[in-house]
Amino acid sequence: MPVTVREIGSSEKTYWDRGIQRLEMVHPLNAFSWGEIRSVDGWRPRYLVAERGATFVGGVMVLEKRLPGTPFR
């Protein structure tokens, strides 16, 4: 079965945290709440999940921040 990747939002916070906790080599800074905390400093968290069918098989949190004086993130 192929792996699909999709972005999730805050309505799936529990899904993210439970899925991440089941993976090997997990770190507390992968928690959904960490991305929310970083948003205070101007970072925009994006959460991408990899799924095989309905099974969480991976995830990545991407933190974006606008570069000062540029239109780039």
Protein backbone atom coordinates (compact mmCIF):
# COMPACT_ATOMS: atom_id res chain seq x y z
CA MET A 1 0.00 0.00 0.00
CA PRO A 2 1.44 3.44 -0.89
CA VAL A 3 2.32 6.09 1.66
CA THR A 4 0.48 9.41 1.39
CA VAL A 5 1.50 12.71 2.95
CA ARG A 6 -0.92 15.40 4.05
CA GLU A 7 -0.88 18.52 6.18
CA ILE A 8 -2.95 18.57 9.34
CA GLY A 9 -4.24 21.37 11.55
CA SER A 10 -5.03 21.88 15.20
CA SER A 11 -8.20 19.77 14.98
CA GLU A 12 -5.91 16.72 14.68
CA LYS A 13 -3.50 17.65 17.48
CA THR A 14 -4.22 14.44 19.43
CA TYR A 15 -3.74 12.31 16.30
CA TRP A 16 -0.33 13.94 15.76
CA ASP A 17 0.87 13.52 19.35
CA ARG A 18 -0.25 9.89 19.59
CA GLY A 19 1.25 9.04 16.22
CA ILE A 20 4.59 10.70 16.97
CA GLN A 21 4.83 8.98 20.37
CA ARG A 22 4.58 5.55 18.73
CA LEU A 23 7.62 6.18 16.52
CA GLU A 24 11.21 5.28 17.40
CA MET A 25 13.63 8.09 18.24
CA VAL A 26 10.88 10.52 19.24
CA HIS A 27 11.81 13.78 20.99
CA PRO A 28 9.57 16.00 23.16
CA LEU A 29 10.12 18.91 20.78
CA ASN A 30 8.13 16.98 18.18
CA ALA A 31 4.94 17.55 20.20
CA PHE A 32 2.21 19.57 18.52
CA SER A 33 2.32 22.03 21.44
CA TRP A 34 5.97 22.86 20.76
CA GLY A 35 5.04 24.27 17.37
CA GLU A 36 2.30 26.33 18.99
CA ILE A 37 4.81 27.68 21.53
CA ARG A 38 7.21 28.68 18.72
CA SER A 39 4.43 30.66 17.02
CA VAL A 40 4.80 33.25 19.80
CA ASP A 41 8.21 34.12 18.32
CA GLY A 42 6.85 34.52 14.80
CA TRP A 43 7.33 30.95 13.61
CA ARG A 44 4.52 29.24 11.69
CA PRO A 45 4.33 25.52 12.42
CA ARG A 46 3.18 23.13 9.71
CA TYR A 47 2.53 19.48 10.47
CA LEU A 48 2.89 16.86 7.75
CA VAL A 49 1.84 13.27 8.40
CA ALA A 50 2.74 10.20 6.38
CA GLU A 51 0.08 7.51 6.36
CA ARG A 52 -0.20 4.05 4.93
CA GLY A 53 -3.94 3.65 4.61
CA ALA A 54 -5.30 4.95 7.91
CA THR A 55 -2.07 4.16 9.82
CA PHE A 56 0.28 6.94 10.97
CA VAL A 57 3.77 5.94 9.79
CA GLY A 58 5.67 9.22 10.05
CA GLY A 59 5.50 12.93 10.61
CA VAL A 60 7.50 16.10 10.29
CA MET A 61 6.96 19.51 11.83
CA VAL A 62 8.20 22.33 9.62
CA LEU A 63 8.72 25.71 11.27
CA GLU A 64 8.54 28.65 8.86
CA LYS A 65 9.52 32.23 9.56
CA ARG A 66 9.60 35.24 7.31
CA LEU A 67 13.09 36.53 6.61
CA PRO A 68 13.21 40.17 7.73
CA GLY A 69 13.22 42.65 4.87
CA THR A 70 12.32 40.04 2.24
CA PRO A 71 9.17 38.44 0.83
CA PHE A 72 10.63 34.99 1.59
CA ARG A 73 9.71 32.53 4.31
